[in-house]
Amino acid sequence: MSAPKIERFRRVSTCELKASLAPGQPGSLKTRPDGTILDGHHRVTVLAERGEDVDQLPREIIEKEFDEA
């Protein structure tokens, strides 16, 4: 992870971080069905540091695309 990004997000309020991760927002929290985070991991890290239950955050589930060959 990028230390400068983490530091930048530490200066953002908890409410703003949660709102930025909401489905439908640019940069929303996107994960695989197994929980792997595709987008939003820096913000999730900061929220977890603050004691937020990040497992309950709404997210967009992105299925892995397979090539039909």
C-alpha atoms as a PDB file:
ATOM      1  CA  MET A   1       0.000   0.000   0.000  1.00  0.00           C
ATOM      2  CA  SER A   2       1.005   3.564  -0.582  1.00  0.00           C
ATOM      3  CA  ALA A   3       2.018   5.344   2.637  1.00  0.00           C
ATOM      4  CA  PRO A   4       1.282   8.810   1.179  1.00  0.00           C
ATOM      5  CA  LYS A   5      -2.255   7.726   0.223  1.00  0.00           C
ATOM      6  CA  ILE A   6      -2.867   6.312   3.707  1.00  0.00           C
ATOM      7  CA  GLU A   7      -1.674   9.590   5.253  1.00  0.00           C
ATOM      8  CA  ARG A   8      -3.921  11.601   2.942  1.00  0.00           C
ATOM      9  CA  PHE A   9      -6.973   9.519   3.865  1.00  0.00           C
ATOM     10  CA  ARG A  10      -6.168   9.811   7.579  1.00  0.00           C
ATOM     11  CA  ARG A  11      -6.974  13.523   7.221  1.00  0.00           C
ATOM     12  CA  VAL A  12     -10.467  12.770   5.853  1.00  0.00           C
ATOM     13  CA  SER A  13     -13.437  12.362   8.192  1.00  0.00           C
ATOM     14  CA  THR A  14     -14.930   8.944   8.829  1.00  0.00           C
ATOM     15  CA  CYS A  15     -18.258  10.033   7.316  1.00  0.00           C
ATOM     16  CA  GLU A  16     -16.560  11.240   4.141  1.00  0.00           C
ATOM     17  CA  LEU A  17     -14.565   8.027   3.797  1.00  0.00           C
ATOM     18  CA  LYS A  18     -17.685   5.890   4.190  1.00  0.00           C
ATOM     19  CA  ALA A  19     -19.607   8.038   1.696  1.00  0.00           C
ATOM     20  CA  SER A  20     -16.792   7.760  -0.859  1.00  0.00           C
ATOM     21  CA  LEU A  21     -16.956   3.960  -0.640  1.00  0.00           C
ATOM     22  CA  ALA A  22     -20.728   3.739  -1.218  1.00  0.00           C
ATOM     23  CA  PRO A  23     -21.899   1.752  -4.246  1.00  0.00           C
ATOM     24  CA  GLY A  24     -22.513   3.951  -7.254  1.00  0.00           C
ATOM     25  CA  GLN A  25     -19.826   6.478  -6.299  1.00  0.00           C
ATOM     26  CA  PRO A  26     -16.660   6.862  -8.370  1.00  0.00           C
ATOM     27  CA  GLY A  27     -14.067   4.787  -6.518  1.00  0.00           C
ATOM     28  CA  SER A  28     -16.701   2.819  -4.602  1.00  0.00           C
ATOM     29  CA  LEU A  29     -15.698  -0.227  -2.572  1.00  0.00           C
ATOM     30  CA  LYS A  30     -15.357  -3.117  -5.003  1.00  0.00           C
ATOM     31  CA  THR A  31     -14.508  -6.662  -3.942  1.00  0.00           C
ATOM     32  CA  ARG A  32     -14.390 -10.174  -5.303  1.00  0.00           C
ATOM     33  CA  PRO A  33     -16.878 -12.688  -3.839  1.00  0.00           C
ATOM     34  CA  ASP A  34     -14.032 -14.041  -1.654  1.00  0.00           C
ATOM     35  CA  GLY A  35     -13.555 -10.584  -0.074  1.00  0.00           C
ATOM     36  CA  THR A  36     -10.465  -9.491  -2.023  1.00  0.00           C
ATOM     37  CA  ILE A  37     -10.610  -5.699  -2.270  1.00  0.00           C
ATOM     38  CA  LEU A  38     -10.222  -4.346  -5.802  1.00  0.00           C
ATOM     39  CA  ASP A  39     -10.895  -0.666  -5.115  1.00  0.00           C
ATOM     40  CA  GLY A  40     -10.966   1.228  -1.823  1.00  0.00           C
ATOM     41  CA  HIS A  41      -8.331  -0.628   0.203  1.00  0.00           C
ATOM     42  CA  HIS A  42      -6.561   2.517   1.475  1.00  0.00           C
ATOM     43  CA  ARG A  43      -9.821   4.010   2.764  1.00  0.00           C
ATOM     44  CA  VAL A  44     -10.875   0.677   4.283  1.00  0.00           C
ATOM     45  CA  THR A  45      -7.507   0.463   6.049  1.00  0.00           C
ATOM     46  CA  VAL A  46      -7.993   3.900   7.613  1.00  0.00           C
ATOM     47  CA  LEU A  47     -11.552   3.067   8.687  1.00  0.00           C
ATOM     48  CA  ALA A  48     -10.324  -0.176  10.280  1.00  0.00           C
ATOM     49  CA  GLU A  49      -7.642   1.806  12.159  1.00  0.00           C
ATOM     50  CA  ARG A  50     -10.460   3.952  13.539  1.00  0.00           C
ATOM     51  CA  GLY A  51     -12.301   0.892  14.840  1.00  0.00           C
ATOM     52  CA  GLU A  52     -15.012   0.845  12.167  1.00  0.00           C
ATOM     53  CA  ASP A  53     -16.562  -2.519  11.250  1.00  0.00           C
ATOM     54  CA  VAL A  54     -15.342  -2.574   7.648  1.00  0.00           C
ATOM     55  CA  ASP A  55     -16.843  -6.022   7.027  1.00  0.00           C
ATOM     56  CA  GLN A  56     -20.302  -4.408   7.145  1.00  0.00           C
ATOM     57  CA  LEU A  57     -19.592  -1.697   4.546  1.00  0.00           C
ATOM     58  CA  PRO A  58     -21.782  -1.858   1.435  1.00  0.00           C
ATOM     59  CA  ARG A  59     -19.795  -2.948  -1.575  1.00  0.00           C
ATOM     60  CA  GLU A  60     -20.018  -3.855  -5.225  1.00  0.00           C
ATOM     61  CA  ILE A  61     -19.197  -7.524  -5.808  1.00  0.00           C
ATOM     62  CA  ILE A  62     -17.243  -8.029  -9.031  1.00  0.00           C
ATOM     63  CA  GLU A  63     -17.125 -11.531 -10.441  1.00  0.00           C
ATOM     64  CA  LYS A  64     -13.903 -12.560 -12.116  1.00  0.00           C
ATOM     65  CA  GLU A  65     -14.279 -12.733 -15.878  1.00  0.00           C
ATOM     66  CA  PHE A  66     -13.071 -15.888 -17.546  1.00  0.00           C
ATOM     67  CA  ASP A  67     -12.122 -16.165 -21.185  1.00  0.00           C
ATOM     68  CA  GLU A  68     -14.115 -18.781 -23.063  1.00  0.00           C
ATOM     69  CA  ALA A  69     -11.440 -20.571 -25.042  1.00  0.00           C
END
